[in-house]
Amino acid sequence: MLRDLLRLFPQPVQSFIESLRTAELEELEEIRLRVGQPVECLFASRSVYSTNPLYRFSVADASYVLNQLSQYSLYAFEEELQKGYITVAGGHRVGLAGKTVLENGAVQTIRPVSSFNVRIARQKIGAAEKVIDKLYDRQTRSWQNALLIGPPQTGKTTVLRDVARIVSTGSKKNHIPSCKVGIVDERSEIAGCVAGVPQHELGVRVDVLDGCPKAEGMMMLIRSMSPDVLIVDEIGREEDVKAILEARHAGVSLIATAHGHTLEDVAKRPVFKGLFEQEAFTCVIELGKSPHPGSIKRVRRPQQTRIMR
């Protein structure tokens, strides 16, 4: 899992990561690299720093990592620098920070890059088992239009990925038939595609649009791949809202994620107002980190709360 990532790092960083115990590597969530600072590895409830007093991540190290990420083609890397992150093989996401270059008030690039946040993508088969009963309507034998809510590092994408796998393969244990699944993977985090081919286990009935904007991708999949269920991560733009409403009118179920702590928290954002007013979601699941990422805090029915009034 980490083999593809290790090549991105200079030797001192590789050595530190390889020195971690196997149990620690299995729980590793983030690798933080900051110029002038020790390497930081984050786990669910603690951080570990490199202990070599003679080593600090340097400007030369940052240049090395950037060249590895861009494959020595920074010109082709400009779009990623503008967005502030890049997704690498395996679905791992590398966040970038440093000096921003503005044009007409908008960020055009980050140069130089002085901080990297490598977020580890890890498939957890069974991560969605506890939410499936909330998402599948046994009376109508269909998947609900659902929104998974949680702040960063609460396992939203991990759960969503496993939802896609279960929808695609079905579940004999839960008497759920398999369905056609369309995934719009704008940040390449759900399927972890390499050359368009998913690297995670998602079942045989999944079609992925990798690196495609969510709004455009949802419409493309509906027109071309006739999915029963659409899966998208981190909705939050006006164009996403329009596409979601179109998908609902097309009779396609949609399961998505959004940043937030509670249903009320998300509903306060203007972009979500139309979705809740038109009852786009029949089920909202609030996720948390305790006792582990992906834990269900509450299951909400927007139609039964004041949020709809």
C-alpha atoms as a PDB file:
ATOM      1  CA  MET A   1       0.000   0.000   0.000  1.00  0.00           C
ATOM      2  CA  LEU A   2       2.825   2.408   0.885  1.00  0.00           C
ATOM      3  CA  ARG A   3       5.226   1.193  -1.786  1.00  0.00           C
ATOM      4  CA  ASP A   4       3.899   3.628  -4.386  1.00  0.00           C
ATOM      5  CA  LEU A   5       4.143   6.469  -1.877  1.00  0.00           C
ATOM      6  CA  LEU A   6       7.680   5.816  -0.678  1.00  0.00           C
ATOM      7  CA  ARG A   7       9.130   6.644  -4.089  1.00  0.00           C
ATOM      8  CA  LEU A   8       7.841  10.203  -3.659  1.00  0.00           C
ATOM      9  CA  PHE A   9      10.047  10.863  -0.635  1.00  0.00           C
ATOM     10  CA  PRO A  10      13.765  11.554  -0.157  1.00  0.00           C
ATOM     11  CA  GLN A  11      15.718   8.778   1.560  1.00  0.00           C
ATOM     12  CA  PRO A  12      15.577  10.162   5.146  1.00  0.00           C
ATOM     13  CA  VAL A  13      11.772  10.326   4.961  1.00  0.00           C
ATOM     14  CA  GLN A  14      11.572   6.818   3.492  1.00  0.00           C
ATOM     15  CA  SER A  15      13.804   5.480   6.269  1.00  0.00           C
ATOM     16  CA  PHE A  16      11.677   7.049   8.996  1.00  0.00           C
ATOM     17  CA  ILE A  17       8.420   5.651   7.582  1.00  0.00           C
ATOM     18  CA  GLU A  18       9.967   2.211   7.101  1.00  0.00           C
ATOM     19  CA  SER A  19      11.108   2.282  10.746  1.00  0.00           C
ATOM     20  CA  LEU A  20       7.493   2.362  11.971  1.00  0.00           C
ATOM     21  CA  ARG A  21       6.052  -0.866  13.292  1.00  0.00           C
ATOM     22  CA  THR A  22       3.703  -2.853  11.054  1.00  0.00           C
ATOM     23  CA  ALA A  23       0.795  -2.144  13.385  1.00  0.00           C
ATOM     24  CA  GLU A  24       1.529   1.576  13.148  1.00  0.00           C
ATOM     25  CA  LEU A  25       1.738   1.503   9.357  1.00  0.00           C
ATOM     26  CA  GLU A  26      -1.695  -0.115   9.222  1.00  0.00           C
ATOM     27  CA  GLU A  27      -3.167   2.805  11.200  1.00  0.00           C
ATOM     28  CA  LEU A  28      -1.240   5.597   9.452  1.00  0.00           C
ATOM     29  CA  GLU A  29      -3.588   8.350   8.227  1.00  0.00           C
ATOM     30  CA  GLU A  30      -1.332  11.237   7.176  1.00  0.00           C
ATOM     31  CA  ILE A  31       2.322  12.026   6.488  1.00  0.00           C
ATOM     32  CA  ARG A  32       3.094  15.721   6.983  1.00  0.00           C
ATOM     33  CA  LEU A  33       6.211  17.267   5.441  1.00  0.00           C
ATOM     34  CA  ARG A  34       7.078  20.898   6.249  1.00  0.00           C
ATOM     35  CA  VAL A  35      10.243  22.731   5.283  1.00  0.00           C
ATOM     36  CA  GLY A  36      12.464  23.225   8.337  1.00  0.00           C
ATOM     37  CA  GLN A  37      10.481  20.778  10.500  1.00  0.00           C
ATOM     38  CA  PRO A  38      10.709  17.078  11.420  1.00  0.00           C
ATOM     39  CA  VAL A  39       8.535  14.584   9.549  1.00  0.00           C
ATOM     40  CA  GLU A  40       5.157  14.025  11.218  1.00  0.00           C
ATOM     41  CA  CYS A  41       3.090  10.854  10.935  1.00  0.00           C
ATOM     42  CA  LEU A  42      -0.514  11.101  12.133  1.00  0.00           C
ATOM     43  CA  PHE A  43      -2.596   8.245  13.457  1.00  0.00           C
ATOM     44  CA  ALA A  44      -6.184   8.235  14.698  1.00  0.00           C
ATOM     45  CA  SER A  45      -5.366   9.663  18.114  1.00  0.00           C
ATOM     46  CA  ARG A  46      -1.696  10.681  18.112  1.00  0.00           C
ATOM     47  CA  SER A  47       1.258  11.990  16.124  1.00  0.00           C
ATOM     48  CA  VAL A  48       4.805  10.630  15.833  1.00  0.00           C
ATOM     49  CA  TYR A  49       7.759  12.786  14.739  1.00  0.00           C
ATOM     50  CA  SER A  50      11.059  11.758  13.217  1.00  0.00           C
ATOM     51  CA  THR A  51      13.655  11.654  15.991  1.00  0.00           C
ATOM     52  CA  ASN A  52      16.879  12.205  14.030  1.00  0.00           C
ATOM     53  CA  PRO A  53      18.139  15.538  15.462  1.00  0.00           C
ATOM     54  CA  LEU A  54      20.298  16.113  12.383  1.00  0.00           C
ATOM     55  CA  TYR A  55      17.440  15.914   9.916  1.00  0.00           C
ATOM     56  CA  ARG A  56      14.822  18.481   9.018  1.00  0.00           C
ATOM     57  CA  PHE A  57      12.763  18.428   5.829  1.00  0.00           C
ATOM     58  CA  SER A  58      14.572  20.878   3.545  1.00  0.00           C
ATOM     59  CA  VAL A  59      13.895  23.086   0.539  1.00  0.00           C
ATOM     60  CA  ALA A  60      15.815  20.550  -1.558  1.00  0.00           C
ATOM     61  CA  ASP A  61      13.586  17.763  -0.182  1.00  0.00           C
ATOM     62  CA  ALA A  62      10.470  19.773  -1.086  1.00  0.00           C
ATOM     63  CA  SER A  63      11.786  20.200  -4.626  1.00  0.00           C
ATOM     64  CA  TYR A  64      12.453  16.447  -4.799  1.00  0.00           C
ATOM     65  CA  VAL A  65       8.906  15.566  -3.720  1.00  0.00           C
ATOM     66  CA  LEU A  66       7.419  18.091  -6.140  1.00  0.00           C
ATOM     67  CA  ASN A  67       9.451  16.648  -9.013  1.00  0.00           C
ATOM     68  CA  GLN A  68       8.370  13.124  -8.093  1.00  0.00           C
ATOM     69  CA  LEU A  69       4.717  14.189  -7.959  1.00  0.00           C
ATOM     70  CA  SER A  70       4.896  16.000 -11.289  1.00  0.00           C
ATOM     71  CA  GLN A  71       7.244  13.484 -12.904  1.00  0.00           C
ATOM     72  CA  TYR A  72       9.610  16.385 -13.596  1.00  0.00           C
ATOM     73  CA  SER A  73       7.007  18.275 -15.625  1.00  0.00           C
ATOM     74  CA  LEU A  74       5.939  21.236 -13.482  1.00  0.00           C
ATOM     75  CA  TYR A  75       4.292  22.873 -16.488  1.00  0.00           C
ATOM     76  CA  ALA A  76       1.839  19.965 -16.768  1.00  0.00           C
ATOM     77  CA  PHE A  77       1.421  20.156 -12.994  1.00  0.00           C
ATOM     78  CA  GLU A  78       0.049  23.712 -12.954  1.00  0.00           C
ATOM     79  CA  GLU A  79      -3.612  22.677 -12.681  1.00  0.00           C
ATOM     80  CA  GLU A  80      -2.860  20.584  -9.586  1.00  0.00           C
ATOM     81  CA  LEU A  81      -0.872  23.433  -8.045  1.00  0.00           C
ATOM     82  CA  GLN A  82      -3.843  25.711  -8.667  1.00  0.00           C
ATOM     83  CA  LYS A  83      -6.216  23.314  -6.892  1.00  0.00           C
ATOM     84  CA  GLY A  84      -3.816  22.758  -4.014  1.00  0.00           C
ATOM     85  CA  TYR A  85      -3.674  18.965  -4.169  1.00  0.00           C
ATOM     86  CA  ILE A  86      -2.841  16.014  -6.391  1.00  0.00           C
ATOM     87  CA  THR A  87      -4.079  12.424  -6.201  1.00  0.00           C
ATOM     88  CA  VAL A  88      -1.489   9.726  -6.843  1.00  0.00           C
ATOM     89  CA  ALA A  89      -1.686   6.014  -7.638  1.00  0.00           C
ATOM     90  CA  GLY A  90      -3.745   4.167  -5.047  1.00  0.00           C
ATOM     91  CA  GLY A  91      -6.023   7.128  -4.413  1.00  0.00           C
ATOM     92  CA  HIS A  92      -3.649   8.799  -1.934  1.00  0.00           C
ATOM     93  CA  ARG A  93      -4.172  12.577  -1.875  1.00  0.00           C
ATOM     94  CA  VAL A  94      -1.290  15.007  -1.450  1.00  0.00           C
ATOM     95  CA  GLY A  95      -2.271  18.462  -0.218  1.00  0.00           C
ATOM     96  CA  LEU A  96       0.049  21.376  -0.982  1.00  0.00           C
ATOM     97  CA  ALA A  97       0.743  24.689   0.747  1.00  0.00           C
ATOM     98  CA  GLY A  98       3.243  27.484   0.255  1.00  0.00           C
ATOM     99  CA  LYS A  99       3.473  30.842  -1.515  1.00  0.00           C
ATOM    100  CA  THR A 100       0.395  31.461  -3.642  1.00  0.00           C
ATOM    101  CA  VAL A 101       0.590  33.356  -6.926  1.00  0.00           C
ATOM    102  CA  LEU A 102      -2.570  35.338  -7.692  1.00  0.00           C
ATOM    103  CA  GLU A 103      -4.014  36.557 -10.971  1.00  0.00           C
ATOM    104  CA  ASN A 104      -7.069  38.829 -10.865  1.00  0.00           C
ATOM    105  CA  GLY A 105      -7.553  37.833  -7.256  1.00  0.00           C
ATOM    106  CA  ALA A 106      -7.636  34.083  -7.982  1.00  0.00           C
ATOM    107  CA  VAL A 107      -4.966  31.531  -7.092  1.00  0.00           C
ATOM    108  CA  GLN A 108      -3.048  30.486 -10.208  1.00  0.00           C
ATOM    109  CA  THR A 109      -0.348  28.365  -8.619  1.00  0.00           C
ATOM    110  CA  ILE A 110       1.630  27.634  -5.452  1.00  0.00           C
ATOM    111  CA  ARG A 111       5.311  28.325  -5.885  1.00  0.00           C
ATOM    112  CA  PRO A 112       7.384  27.485  -3.944  1.00  0.00           C
ATOM    113  CA  VAL A 113       5.624  24.601  -2.189  1.00  0.00           C
ATOM    114  CA  SER A 114       6.754  24.325   1.430  1.00  0.00           C
ATOM    115  CA  SER A 115       4.256  21.884   2.980  1.00  0.00           C
ATOM    116  CA  PHE A 116       2.850  18.517   1.897  1.00  0.00           C
ATOM    117  CA  ASN A 117       0.011  16.586   3.502  1.00  0.00           C
ATOM    118  CA  VAL A 118      -0.081  13.000   2.251  1.00  0.00           C
ATOM    119  CA  ARG A 119      -3.457  11.516   3.170  1.00  0.00           C
ATOM    120  CA  ILE A 120      -3.392   7.717   3.061  1.00  0.00           C
ATOM    121  CA  ALA A 121      -6.231   6.093   1.097  1.00  0.00           C
ATOM    122  CA  ARG A 122      -7.045   2.703   2.535  1.00  0.00           C
ATOM    123  CA  GLN A 123      -9.843   0.375   1.503  1.00  0.00           C
ATOM    124  CA  LYS A 124     -11.658  -1.149   4.449  1.00  0.00           C
ATOM    125  CA  ILE A 125     -13.917  -3.952   3.315  1.00  0.00           C
ATOM    126  CA  GLY A 126     -16.976  -3.914   5.551  1.00  0.00           C
ATOM    127  CA  ALA A 127     -16.634  -0.247   6.559  1.00  0.00           C
ATOM    128  CA  ALA A 128     -20.174   0.421   5.325  1.00  0.00           C
ATOM    129  CA  GLU A 129     -21.882  -2.615   6.828  1.00  0.00           C
ATOM    130  CA  LYS A 130     -23.522  -0.610   9.628  1.00  0.00           C
ATOM    131  CA  VAL A 131     -24.939   2.045   7.293  1.00  0.00           C
ATOM    132  CA  ILE A 132     -26.396  -0.275   4.663  1.00  0.00           C
ATOM    133  CA  ASP A 133     -29.632  -0.889   6.580  1.00  0.00           C
ATOM    134  CA  LYS A 134     -30.075   2.885   6.751  1.00  0.00           C
ATOM    135  CA  LEU A 135     -29.463   3.377   3.022  1.00  0.00           C
ATOM    136  CA  TYR A 136     -31.452   0.499   1.532  1.00  0.00           C
ATOM    137  CA  ASP A 137     -35.241   0.710   1.596  1.00  0.00           C
ATOM    138  CA  ARG A 138     -36.548  -2.841   1.837  1.00  0.00           C
ATOM    139  CA  GLN A 139     -40.155  -1.841   1.160  1.00  0.00           C
ATOM    140  CA  THR A 140     -39.382  -0.262  -2.213  1.00  0.00           C
ATOM    141  CA  ARG A 141     -36.310  -2.469  -2.794  1.00  0.00           C
ATOM    142  CA  SER A 142     -34.305   0.583  -3.754  1.00  0.00           C
ATOM    143  CA  TRP A 143     -31.446   2.714  -2.483  1.00  0.00           C
ATOM    144  CA  GLN A 144     -32.303   5.963  -0.779  1.00  0.00           C
ATOM    145  CA  ASN A 145     -31.004   9.350  -1.845  1.00  0.00           C
ATOM    146  CA  ALA A 146     -28.528   9.771   0.982  1.00  0.00           C
ATOM    147  CA  LEU A 147     -25.964  12.248   2.249  1.00  0.00           C
ATOM    148  CA  LEU A 148     -23.069  11.233   4.498  1.00  0.00           C
ATOM    149  CA  ILE A 149     -21.917  14.181   6.627  1.00  0.00           C
ATOM    150  CA  GLY A 150     -18.756  14.533   8.680  1.00  0.00           C
ATOM    151  CA  PRO A 151     -15.770  16.805   9.293  1.00  0.00           C
ATOM    152  CA  PRO A 152     -12.355  15.824   7.850  1.00  0.00           C
ATOM    153  CA  GLN A 153     -10.924  12.441   8.863  1.00  0.00           C
ATOM    154  CA  THR A 154     -14.241  10.913   9.872  1.00  0.00           C
ATOM    155  CA  GLY A 155     -14.066   8.202   7.212  1.00  0.00           C
ATOM    156  CA  LYS A 156     -16.607   9.619   4.747  1.00  0.00           C
ATOM    157  CA  THR A 157     -14.739   8.513   1.626  1.00  0.00           C
ATOM    158  CA  THR A 158     -13.817   5.134   3.135  1.00  0.00           C
ATOM    159  CA  VAL A 159     -17.470   4.430   3.941  1.00  0.00           C
ATOM    160  CA  LEU A 160     -18.635   5.748   0.559  1.00  0.00           C
ATOM    161  CA  ARG A 161     -16.165   3.485  -1.245  1.00  0.00           C
ATOM    162  CA  ASP A 162     -17.494   0.448   0.600  1.00  0.00           C
ATOM    163  CA  VAL A 163     -21.085   1.524  -0.080  1.00  0.00           C
ATOM    164  CA  ALA A 164     -20.237   1.504  -3.796  1.00  0.00           C
ATOM    165  CA  ARG A 165     -18.812  -2.019  -3.461  1.00  0.00           C
ATOM    166  CA  ILE A 166     -21.904  -3.338  -1.658  1.00  0.00           C
ATOM    167  CA  VAL A 167     -24.348  -1.670  -4.070  1.00  0.00           C
ATOM    168  CA  SER A 168     -22.420  -3.167  -6.981  1.00  0.00           C
ATOM    169  CA  THR A 169     -22.049  -6.694  -5.616  1.00  0.00           C
ATOM    170  CA  GLY A 170     -25.250  -6.890  -3.582  1.00  0.00           C
ATOM    171  CA  SER A 171     -25.474  -8.651  -0.238  1.00  0.00           C
ATOM    172  CA  LYS A 172     -26.859 -12.153   0.187  1.00  0.00           C
ATOM    173  CA  LYS A 173     -26.751 -11.719   3.947  1.00  0.00           C
ATOM    174  CA  ASN A 174     -28.961  -8.629   3.754  1.00  0.00           C
ATOM    175  CA  HIS A 175     -31.007  -9.861   0.767  1.00  0.00           C
ATOM    176  CA  ILE A 176     -29.910  -6.918  -1.364  1.00  0.00           C
ATOM    177  CA  PRO A 177     -29.599  -7.416  -5.158  1.00  0.00           C
ATOM    178  CA  SER A 178     -26.654  -6.002  -7.100  1.00  0.00           C
ATOM    179  CA  CYS A 179     -27.123  -2.751  -9.013  1.00  0.00           C
ATOM    180  CA  LYS A 180     -25.323  -0.770 -11.680  1.00  0.00           C
ATOM    181  CA  VAL A 181     -23.159   1.892 -10.059  1.00  0.00           C
ATOM    182  CA  GLY A 182     -21.782   5.071 -11.602  1.00  0.00           C
ATOM    183  CA  ILE A 183     -18.968   6.836  -9.719  1.00  0.00           C
ATOM    184  CA  VAL A 184     -17.880  10.376 -10.516  1.00  0.00           C
ATOM    185  CA  ASP A 185     -14.430  10.412  -8.935  1.00  0.00           C
ATOM    186  CA  GLU A 186     -13.350  14.027  -9.376  1.00  0.00           C
ATOM    187  CA  ARG A 187     -10.366  13.739  -7.022  1.00  0.00           C
ATOM    188  CA  SER A 188      -9.544  10.090  -7.834  1.00  0.00           C
ATOM    189  CA  GLU A 189     -10.044   9.178  -4.175  1.00  0.00           C
ATOM    190  CA  ILE A 190     -12.976   6.756  -4.297  1.00  0.00           C
ATOM    191  CA  ALA A 191     -11.764   4.263  -6.895  1.00  0.00           C
ATOM    192  CA  GLY A 192      -8.055   5.191  -6.875  1.00  0.00           C
ATOM    193  CA  CYS A 193      -7.869   4.771 -10.652  1.00  0.00           C
ATOM    194  CA  VAL A 194      -4.619   4.342 -12.554  1.00  0.00           C
ATOM    195  CA  ALA A 195      -5.048   4.963 -16.296  1.00  0.00           C
ATOM    196  CA  GLY A 196      -8.812   4.898 -15.692  1.00  0.00           C
ATOM    197  CA  VAL A 197      -8.832   1.467 -14.035  1.00  0.00           C
ATOM    198  CA  PRO A 198      -9.988   1.286 -10.365  1.00  0.00           C
ATOM    199  CA  GLN A 199      -7.322   0.001  -7.987  1.00  0.00           C
ATOM    200  CA  HIS A 200      -9.791  -0.632  -5.170  1.00  0.00           C
ATOM    201  CA  GLU A 201     -12.207  -3.560  -5.056  1.00  0.00           C
ATOM    202  CA  LEU A 202     -15.571  -2.155  -6.151  1.00  0.00           C
ATOM    203  CA  GLY A 203     -17.335  -5.116  -7.732  1.00  0.00           C
ATOM    204  CA  VAL A 204     -18.123  -5.949 -11.350  1.00  0.00           C
ATOM    205  CA  ARG A 205     -20.977  -3.478 -11.970  1.00  0.00           C
ATOM    206  CA  VAL A 206     -19.130  -0.203 -11.455  1.00  0.00           C
ATOM    207  CA  ASP A 207     -18.359   2.429 -14.093  1.00  0.00           C
ATOM    208  CA  VAL A 208     -16.017   5.266 -13.099  1.00  0.00           C
ATOM    209  CA  LEU A 209     -15.443   8.711 -14.548  1.00  0.00           C
ATOM    210  CA  ASP A 210     -12.045   9.524 -13.094  1.00  0.00           C
ATOM    211  CA  GLY A 211     -10.887  13.118 -12.642  1.00  0.00           C
ATOM    212  CA  CYS A 212     -14.176  14.453 -13.988  1.00  0.00           C
ATOM    213  CA  PRO A 213     -16.053  17.405 -12.443  1.00  0.00           C
ATOM    214  CA  LYS A 214     -18.989  16.030 -10.465  1.00  0.00           C
ATOM    215  CA  ALA A 215     -21.782  18.021 -12.092  1.00  0.00           C
ATOM    216  CA  GLU A 216     -20.718  17.222 -15.636  1.00  0.00           C
ATOM    217  CA  GLY A 217     -19.865  13.628 -14.751  1.00  0.00           C
ATOM    218  CA  MET A 218     -23.259  12.865 -13.212  1.00  0.00           C
ATOM    219  CA  MET A 219     -25.017  13.945 -16.399  1.00  0.00           C
ATOM    220  CA  MET A 220     -22.553  12.032 -18.582  1.00  0.00           C
ATOM    221  CA  LEU A 221     -23.096   8.805 -16.653  1.00  0.00           C
ATOM    222  CA  ILE A 222     -26.876   9.146 -16.673  1.00  0.00           C
ATOM    223  CA  ARG A 223     -26.876   9.633 -20.438  1.00  0.00           C
ATOM    224  CA  SER A 224     -24.295   7.006 -21.328  1.00  0.00           C
ATOM    225  CA  MET A 225     -24.130   4.294 -18.645  1.00  0.00           C
ATOM    226  CA  SER A 226     -27.690   4.091 -17.235  1.00  0.00           C
ATOM    227  CA  PRO A 227     -26.657   3.672 -13.576  1.00  0.00           C
ATOM    228  CA  ASP A 228     -29.124   2.626 -10.891  1.00  0.00           C
ATOM    229  CA  VAL A 229     -27.091   4.468  -8.254  1.00  0.00           C
ATOM    230  CA  LEU A 230     -24.726   7.431  -8.566  1.00  0.00           C
ATOM    231  CA  ILE A 231     -21.850   7.834  -6.094  1.00  0.00           C
ATOM    232  CA  VAL A 232     -20.098  11.200  -5.634  1.00  0.00           C
ATOM    233  CA  ASP A 233     -17.775  12.611  -2.986  1.00  0.00           C
ATOM    234  CA  GLU A 234     -17.679  16.060  -1.365  1.00  0.00           C
ATOM    235  CA  ILE A 235     -20.539  17.932  -3.022  1.00  0.00           C
ATOM    236  CA  GLY A 236     -20.783  21.630  -2.320  1.00  0.00           C
ATOM    237  CA  ARG A 237     -20.949  23.725  -5.472  1.00  0.00           C
ATOM    238  CA  GLU A 238     -23.959  25.280  -7.160  1.00  0.00           C
ATOM    239  CA  GLU A 239     -23.491  23.157 -10.277  1.00  0.00           C
ATOM    240  CA  ASP A 240     -23.444  20.014  -8.111  1.00  0.00           C
ATOM    241  CA  VAL A 241     -26.883  20.929  -6.766  1.00  0.00           C
ATOM    242  CA  LYS A 242     -28.379  21.304 -10.248  1.00  0.00           C
ATOM    243  CA  ALA A 243     -26.949  17.963 -11.351  1.00  0.00           C
ATOM    244  CA  ILE A 244     -28.252  16.200  -8.229  1.00  0.00           C
ATOM    245  CA  LEU A 245     -31.760  17.484  -8.834  1.00  0.00           C
ATOM    246  CA  GLU A 246     -31.533  16.378 -12.472  1.00  0.00           C
ATOM    247  CA  ALA A 247     -30.411  12.916 -11.355  1.00  0.00           C
ATOM    248  CA  ARG A 248     -33.362  12.677  -8.987  1.00  0.00           C
ATOM    249  CA  HIS A 249     -35.790  13.562 -11.767  1.00  0.00           C
ATOM    250  CA  ALA A 250     -34.125  10.918 -13.948  1.00  0.00           C
ATOM    251  CA  GLY A 251     -35.011   8.253 -11.392  1.00  0.00           C
ATOM    252  CA  VAL A 252     -31.422   7.570 -10.337  1.00  0.00           C
ATOM    253  CA  SER A 253     -30.589   7.132  -6.652  1.00  0.00           C
ATOM    254  CA  LEU A 254     -27.682   9.219  -5.384  1.00  0.00           C
ATOM    255  CA  ILE A 255     -25.365   8.679  -2.417  1.00  0.00           C
ATOM    256  CA  ALA A 256     -22.968  11.530  -1.678  1.00  0.00           C
ATOM    257  CA  THR A 257     -20.786  13.039   1.026  1.00  0.00           C
ATOM    258  CA  ALA A 258     -20.395  16.603   2.327  1.00  0.00           C
ATOM    259  CA  HIS A 259     -18.230  18.341   4.909  1.00  0.00           C
ATOM    260  CA  GLY A 260     -20.017  19.322   8.120  1.00  0.00           C
ATOM    261  CA  HIS A 261     -20.694  18.278  11.686  1.00  0.00           C
ATOM    262  CA  THR A 262     -24.502  18.008  11.602  1.00  0.00           C
ATOM    263  CA  LEU A 263     -27.448  18.211   9.235  1.00  0.00           C
ATOM    264  CA  GLU A 264     -28.213  21.692  10.550  1.00  0.00           C
ATOM    265  CA  ASP A 265     -24.601  22.730   9.991  1.00  0.00           C
ATOM    266  CA  VAL A 266     -24.707  21.710   6.332  1.00  0.00           C
ATOM    267  CA  ALA A 267     -28.213  23.102   5.746  1.00  0.00           C
ATOM    268  CA  LYS A 268     -27.017  26.579   6.749  1.00  0.00           C
ATOM    269  CA  ARG A 269     -24.818  26.718   3.663  1.00  0.00           C
ATOM    270  CA  PRO A 270     -26.698  28.560   0.873  1.00  0.00           C
ATOM    271  CA  VAL A 271     -25.717  26.030  -1.767  1.00  0.00           C
ATOM    272  CA  PHE A 272     -27.570  23.243   0.087  1.00  0.00           C
ATOM    273  CA  LYS A 273     -30.762  25.198   0.699  1.00  0.00           C
ATOM    274  CA  GLY A 274     -32.394  24.148  -2.574  1.00  0.00           C
ATOM    275  CA  LEU A 275     -31.517  20.493  -2.034  1.00  0.00           C
ATOM    276  CA  PHE A 276     -33.258  20.327   1.332  1.00  0.00           C
ATOM    277  CA  GLU A 277     -36.204  22.458   0.211  1.00  0.00           C
ATOM    278  CA  GLN A 278     -36.843  20.011  -2.637  1.00  0.00           C
ATOM    279  CA  GLU A 279     -36.264  16.996  -0.377  1.00  0.00           C
ATOM    280  CA  ALA A 280     -33.395  15.744  -2.508  1.00  0.00           C
ATOM    281  CA  PHE A 281     -32.167  13.525   0.346  1.00  0.00           C
ATOM    282  CA  THR A 282     -34.357  11.065   2.211  1.00  0.00           C
ATOM    283  CA  CYS A 283     -31.589  10.038   4.597  1.00  0.00           C
ATOM    284  CA  VAL A 284     -28.696  11.934   6.184  1.00  0.00           C
ATOM    285  CA  ILE A 285     -26.062  10.081   8.198  1.00  0.00           C
ATOM    286  CA  GLU A 286     -23.744  12.034  10.475  1.00  0.00           C
ATOM    287  CA  LEU A 287     -20.354  10.325  10.856  1.00  0.00           C
ATOM    288  CA  GLY A 288     -17.732  10.767  13.572  1.00  0.00           C
ATOM    289  CA  LYS A 289     -14.244   9.603  14.605  1.00  0.00           C
ATOM    290  CA  SER A 290     -15.164   7.946  17.905  1.00  0.00           C
ATOM    291  CA  PRO A 291     -14.697   5.118  18.634  1.00  0.00           C
ATOM    292  CA  HIS A 292     -13.218   4.918  15.101  1.00  0.00           C
ATOM    293  CA  PRO A 293     -13.521   6.853  11.811  1.00  0.00           C
ATOM    294  CA  GLY A 294     -16.757   6.033  10.025  1.00  0.00           C
ATOM    295  CA  SER A 295     -18.778   5.604  13.228  1.00  0.00           C
ATOM    296  CA  ILE A 296     -22.447   6.602  12.945  1.00  0.00           C
ATOM    297  CA  LYS A 297     -23.328   9.508  15.231  1.00  0.00           C
ATOM    298  CA  ARG A 298     -26.934   9.984  14.116  1.00  0.00           C
ATOM    299  CA  VAL A 299     -29.268   9.037  11.298  1.00  0.00           C
ATOM    300  CA  ARG A 300     -31.529  11.915  10.251  1.00  0.00           C
ATOM    301  CA  ARG A 301     -34.640  12.092   8.107  1.00  0.00           C
ATOM    302  CA  PRO A 302     -34.701  15.677   6.754  1.00  0.00           C
ATOM    303  CA  GLN A 303     -38.451  15.519   6.013  1.00  0.00           C
ATOM    304  CA  GLN A 304     -39.128  14.880   9.720  1.00  0.00           C
ATOM    305  CA  THR A 305     -37.037  17.744  11.093  1.00  0.00           C
ATOM    306  CA  ARG A 306     -37.462  21.500  11.291  1.00  0.00           C
ATOM    307  CA  ILE A 307     -34.733  21.815   8.683  1.00  0.00           C
ATOM    308  CA  MET A 308     -37.460  21.329   6.062  1.00  0.00           C
ATOM    309  CA  ARG A 309     -39.875  23.888   7.493  1.00  0.00           C
END
